[in-house]
Amino acid sequence: MATTPSDIDVTQLVLPVLGQEKPKFGKGQCTDCSGLCCRYITVEIEPPQNWTDLDNLRWYIIHDKVSILVEEKNWMVKFDTPCQHLGADHRCTIYNSRPQACRDYTTDDCDYMTWKGGYPAAYREFTDFKRLKQFVEDYWWPKNGCDDD
């Protein structure tokens, strides 16, 4: 049976202690992780250039388990939905035949190594439109411009 996000007690996820040296792994970095990168997918999007774009982002985040991630100049829609092949032991049950996207994923900046206070340190995550709107108006548009529409 697949694990669903509501089944996960996030207080039990194995996360590194801030300031602690990166752990040494025997067979791979994923050994002590609870499959963080397999619990969601993201789709890159263009940053909002105007009010119409911002309203489209609002449409995304009014849906359950959908948020907007901003990492520097990269914007993504995040869907909190675990892979159906993530086993109870947090291992991929189709590892040898996994999709190319999984094969291409590197552990250089993986969630396990960059997680901080529940979110990867470099990310801003928005599930609330009021917070997203404030970020865009106060930070993004003054720095990157806004096309009035």
C-alpha atoms as a PDB file:
ATOM      1  CA  MET A   1       0.000   0.000   0.000  1.00  0.00           C
ATOM      2  CA  ALA A   2       1.356   3.451  -0.908  1.00  0.00           C
ATOM      3  CA  THR A   3       2.027   5.968   1.834  1.00  0.00           C
ATOM      4  CA  THR A   4       0.028   9.171   1.574  1.00  0.00           C
ATOM      5  CA  PRO A   5       1.142  12.605   2.867  1.00  0.00           C
ATOM      6  CA  SER A   6      -1.491  12.442   5.615  1.00  0.00           C
ATOM      7  CA  ASP A   7       0.059   9.128   6.786  1.00  0.00           C
ATOM      8  CA  ILE A   8       3.426  10.767   7.379  1.00  0.00           C
ATOM      9  CA  ASP A   9       4.325  12.081  10.803  1.00  0.00           C
ATOM     10  CA  VAL A  10       6.753  14.817   9.754  1.00  0.00           C
ATOM     11  CA  THR A  11       8.183  14.910  13.262  1.00  0.00           C
ATOM     12  CA  GLN A  12       9.527  11.405  12.606  1.00  0.00           C
ATOM     13  CA  LEU A  13      11.302  12.227   9.320  1.00  0.00           C
ATOM     14  CA  VAL A  14      15.051  11.836   9.560  1.00  0.00           C
ATOM     15  CA  LEU A  15      16.546  15.272   9.042  1.00  0.00           C
ATOM     16  CA  PRO A  16      20.098  16.531   9.603  1.00  0.00           C
ATOM     17  CA  VAL A  17      20.871  18.728  12.592  1.00  0.00           C
ATOM     18  CA  LEU A  18      21.779  22.250  11.510  1.00  0.00           C
ATOM     19  CA  GLY A  19      25.483  22.907  11.781  1.00  0.00           C
ATOM     20  CA  GLN A  20      26.245  19.203  11.884  1.00  0.00           C
ATOM     21  CA  GLU A  21      28.761  17.828   9.420  1.00  0.00           C
ATOM     22  CA  LYS A  22      27.153  15.998   6.510  1.00  0.00           C
ATOM     23  CA  PRO A  23      26.736  12.362   7.483  1.00  0.00           C
ATOM     24  CA  LYS A  24      28.902   9.725   5.872  1.00  0.00           C
ATOM     25  CA  PHE A  25      26.871   7.074   4.095  1.00  0.00           C
ATOM     26  CA  GLY A  26      27.858   3.511   3.336  1.00  0.00           C
ATOM     27  CA  LYS A  27      26.070   2.680   0.105  1.00  0.00           C
ATOM     28  CA  GLY A  28      24.706   6.099  -0.720  1.00  0.00           C
ATOM     29  CA  GLN A  29      23.346   9.314   0.652  1.00  0.00           C
ATOM     30  CA  CYS A  30      19.771   8.001   0.568  1.00  0.00           C
ATOM     31  CA  THR A  31      20.497   5.404   3.255  1.00  0.00           C
ATOM     32  CA  ASP A  32      19.296   7.517   6.195  1.00  0.00           C
ATOM     33  CA  CYS A  33      16.667   9.581   4.349  1.00  0.00           C
ATOM     34  CA  SER A  34      12.932   9.004   4.446  1.00  0.00           C
ATOM     35  CA  GLY A  35      12.404   9.618   0.738  1.00  0.00           C
ATOM     36  CA  LEU A  36      11.867  13.374   0.944  1.00  0.00           C
ATOM     37  CA  CYS A  37      12.459  13.931  -2.781  1.00  0.00           C
ATOM     38  CA  CYS A  38       9.906  11.231  -3.631  1.00  0.00           C
ATOM     39  CA  ARG A  39       7.045  12.877  -1.757  1.00  0.00           C
ATOM     40  CA  TYR A  40       6.312  15.682  -4.228  1.00  0.00           C
ATOM     41  CA  ILE A  41       6.851  16.822  -7.799  1.00  0.00           C
ATOM     42  CA  THR A  42       7.524  20.288  -9.135  1.00  0.00           C
ATOM     43  CA  VAL A  43       6.908  21.910 -12.496  1.00  0.00           C
ATOM     44  CA  GLU A  44       8.902  24.969 -13.480  1.00  0.00           C
ATOM     45  CA  ILE A  45       6.884  28.082 -14.308  1.00  0.00           C
ATOM     46  CA  GLU A  46       7.627  31.637 -15.366  1.00  0.00           C
ATOM     47  CA  PRO A  47       7.741  34.235 -12.577  1.00  0.00           C
ATOM     48  CA  PRO A  48       4.704  36.525 -12.467  1.00  0.00           C
ATOM     49  CA  GLN A  49       5.179  39.553 -14.708  1.00  0.00           C
ATOM     50  CA  ASN A  50       1.824  41.200 -14.023  1.00  0.00           C
ATOM     51  CA  TRP A  51      -1.443  40.927 -12.094  1.00  0.00           C
ATOM     52  CA  THR A  52      -2.861  38.364 -14.517  1.00  0.00           C
ATOM     53  CA  ASP A  53       0.122  36.087 -13.915  1.00  0.00           C
ATOM     54  CA  LEU A  54      -0.203  36.550 -10.163  1.00  0.00           C
ATOM     55  CA  ASP A  55      -3.896  35.654 -10.312  1.00  0.00           C
ATOM     56  CA  ASN A  56      -2.979  32.458 -12.202  1.00  0.00           C
ATOM     57  CA  LEU A  57      -0.629  31.548  -9.338  1.00  0.00           C
ATOM     58  CA  ARG A  58      -3.501  32.146  -6.935  1.00  0.00           C
ATOM     59  CA  TRP A  59      -5.525  29.596  -8.911  1.00  0.00           C
ATOM     60  CA  TYR A  60      -2.774  26.997  -8.366  1.00  0.00           C
ATOM     61  CA  ILE A  61      -2.494  27.438  -4.618  1.00  0.00           C
ATOM     62  CA  ILE A  62      -6.217  27.399  -3.877  1.00  0.00           C
ATOM     63  CA  HIS A  63      -6.007  23.679  -4.649  1.00  0.00           C
ATOM     64  CA  ASP A  64      -5.250  21.195  -1.893  1.00  0.00           C
ATOM     65  CA  LYS A  65      -1.609  20.111  -1.560  1.00  0.00           C
ATOM     66  CA  VAL A  66      -0.357  22.612  -4.165  1.00  0.00           C
ATOM     67  CA  SER A  67       2.106  25.398  -3.417  1.00  0.00           C
ATOM     68  CA  ILE A  68       4.460  27.799  -5.168  1.00  0.00           C
ATOM     69  CA  LEU A  69       8.200  27.391  -4.593  1.00  0.00           C
ATOM     70  CA  VAL A  70      10.671  30.171  -5.313  1.00  0.00           C
ATOM     71  CA  GLU A  71      14.389  29.431  -5.330  1.00  0.00           C
ATOM     72  CA  GLU A  72      16.256  32.574  -6.322  1.00  0.00           C
ATOM     73  CA  LYS A  73      14.954  33.231  -9.858  1.00  0.00           C
ATOM     74  CA  ASN A  74      13.424  29.773 -10.320  1.00  0.00           C
ATOM     75  CA  TRP A  75       9.668  29.477  -9.809  1.00  0.00           C
ATOM     76  CA  MET A  76       7.873  26.136  -9.512  1.00  0.00           C
ATOM     77  CA  VAL A  77       4.457  24.723  -8.787  1.00  0.00           C
ATOM     78  CA  LYS A  78       4.804  22.006  -6.145  1.00  0.00           C
ATOM     79  CA  PHE A  79       2.353  19.123  -5.904  1.00  0.00           C
ATOM     80  CA  ASP A  80       2.564  17.272  -2.579  1.00  0.00           C
ATOM     81  CA  THR A  81       1.894  13.776  -3.792  1.00  0.00           C
ATOM     82  CA  PRO A  82       4.224  10.879  -3.036  1.00  0.00           C
ATOM     83  CA  CYS A  83       5.446   8.509  -5.706  1.00  0.00           C
ATOM     84  CA  GLN A  84       3.283   5.408  -5.809  1.00  0.00           C
ATOM     85  CA  HIS A  85       6.483   3.334  -5.842  1.00  0.00           C
ATOM     86  CA  LEU A  86       7.915   4.703  -2.581  1.00  0.00           C
ATOM     87  CA  GLY A  87       7.964   1.720  -0.280  1.00  0.00           C
ATOM     88  CA  ALA A  88       7.224   1.612   3.446  1.00  0.00           C
ATOM     89  CA  ASP A  89      11.003   1.448   3.997  1.00  0.00           C
ATOM     90  CA  HIS A  90      11.373   4.750   2.067  1.00  0.00           C
ATOM     91  CA  ARG A  91      13.063   2.936  -0.810  1.00  0.00           C
ATOM     92  CA  CYS A  92      12.087   2.907  -4.468  1.00  0.00           C
ATOM     93  CA  THR A  93      10.286  -0.335  -5.304  1.00  0.00           C
ATOM     94  CA  ILE A  94      11.114   0.043  -9.025  1.00  0.00           C
ATOM     95  CA  TYR A  95      14.688   1.300  -8.641  1.00  0.00           C
ATOM     96  CA  ASN A  96      16.132  -0.678 -11.563  1.00  0.00           C
ATOM     97  CA  SER A  97      13.382   0.492 -13.917  1.00  0.00           C
ATOM     98  CA  ARG A  98      12.764   3.985 -12.460  1.00  0.00           C
ATOM     99  CA  PRO A  99      11.977   6.901 -14.815  1.00  0.00           C
ATOM    100  CA  GLN A 100      14.798   8.903 -16.380  1.00  0.00           C
ATOM    101  CA  ALA A 101      13.916  11.955 -14.242  1.00  0.00           C
ATOM    102  CA  CYS A 102      14.714   9.883 -11.158  1.00  0.00           C
ATOM    103  CA  ARG A 103      17.930   8.614 -12.700  1.00  0.00           C
ATOM    104  CA  ASP A 104      19.019  12.156 -13.562  1.00  0.00           C
ATOM    105  CA  TYR A 105      18.335  13.485 -10.044  1.00  0.00           C
ATOM    106  CA  THR A 106      21.580  14.066  -8.171  1.00  0.00           C
ATOM    107  CA  THR A 107      22.094  14.208  -4.437  1.00  0.00           C
ATOM    108  CA  ASP A 108      24.329  17.297  -4.694  1.00  0.00           C
ATOM    109  CA  ASP A 109      21.576  19.552  -3.317  1.00  0.00           C
ATOM    110  CA  CYS A 110      19.074  16.970  -2.162  1.00  0.00           C
ATOM    111  CA  ASP A 111      16.287  17.768   0.276  1.00  0.00           C
ATOM    112  CA  TYR A 112      17.805  15.634   3.021  1.00  0.00           C
ATOM    113  CA  MET A 113      21.028  17.644   2.987  1.00  0.00           C
ATOM    114  CA  THR A 114      19.434  21.096   2.608  1.00  0.00           C
ATOM    115  CA  TRP A 115      16.304  20.765   4.764  1.00  0.00           C
ATOM    116  CA  LYS A 116      15.975  23.538   7.345  1.00  0.00           C
ATOM    117  CA  GLY A 117      13.031  24.088   9.614  1.00  0.00           C
ATOM    118  CA  GLY A 118      10.764  21.947   7.447  1.00  0.00           C
ATOM    119  CA  TYR A 119      11.745  23.499   4.088  1.00  0.00           C
ATOM    120  CA  PRO A 120      14.873  23.375   1.972  1.00  0.00           C
ATOM    121  CA  ALA A 121      16.947  26.375   3.099  1.00  0.00           C
ATOM    122  CA  ALA A 122      17.107  28.074  -0.308  1.00  0.00           C
ATOM    123  CA  TYR A 123      13.366  27.800  -1.022  1.00  0.00           C
ATOM    124  CA  ARG A 124      10.452  30.024  -0.197  1.00  0.00           C
ATOM    125  CA  GLU A 125       7.215  28.058  -0.219  1.00  0.00           C
ATOM    126  CA  PHE A 126       3.812  29.701  -0.501  1.00  0.00           C
ATOM    127  CA  THR A 127       0.506  27.988   0.214  1.00  0.00           C
ATOM    128  CA  ASP A 128      -1.272  31.205   1.110  1.00  0.00           C
ATOM    129  CA  PHE A 129      -2.043  33.808  -1.558  1.00  0.00           C
ATOM    130  CA  LYS A 130      -1.788  36.728   0.848  1.00  0.00           C
ATOM    131  CA  ARG A 131       1.843  35.821   1.638  1.00  0.00           C
ATOM    132  CA  LEU A 132       2.653  35.191  -2.030  1.00  0.00           C
ATOM    133  CA  LYS A 133       1.119  38.520  -3.079  1.00  0.00           C
ATOM    134  CA  GLN A 134       3.077  40.357  -0.391  1.00  0.00           C
ATOM    135  CA  PHE A 135       6.342  38.684  -1.494  1.00  0.00           C
ATOM    136  CA  VAL A 136       5.708  39.550  -5.141  1.00  0.00           C
ATOM    137  CA  GLU A 137       4.687  43.164  -4.450  1.00  0.00           C
ATOM    138  CA  ASP A 138       7.308  43.929  -1.797  1.00  0.00           C
ATOM    139  CA  TYR A 139      10.273  41.960  -3.111  1.00  0.00           C
ATOM    140  CA  TRP A 140       9.936  40.372  -6.550  1.00  0.00           C
ATOM    141  CA  TRP A 141       8.466  43.173  -8.667  1.00  0.00           C
ATOM    142  CA  PRO A 142      10.628  45.976  -7.201  1.00  0.00           C
ATOM    143  CA  LYS A 143      13.717  43.861  -7.962  1.00  0.00           C
ATOM    144  CA  ASN A 144      12.640  42.316 -11.290  1.00  0.00           C
ATOM    145  CA  GLY A 145       9.960  44.651 -12.671  1.00  0.00           C
ATOM    146  CA  CYS A 146       6.231  44.401 -13.282  1.00  0.00           C
ATOM    147  CA  ASP A 147       4.377  44.733 -16.564  1.00  0.00           C
ATOM    148  CA  ASP A 148       1.118  46.520 -15.824  1.00  0.00           C
ATOM    149  CA  ASP A 149      -1.868  44.900 -17.498  1.00  0.00           C
END
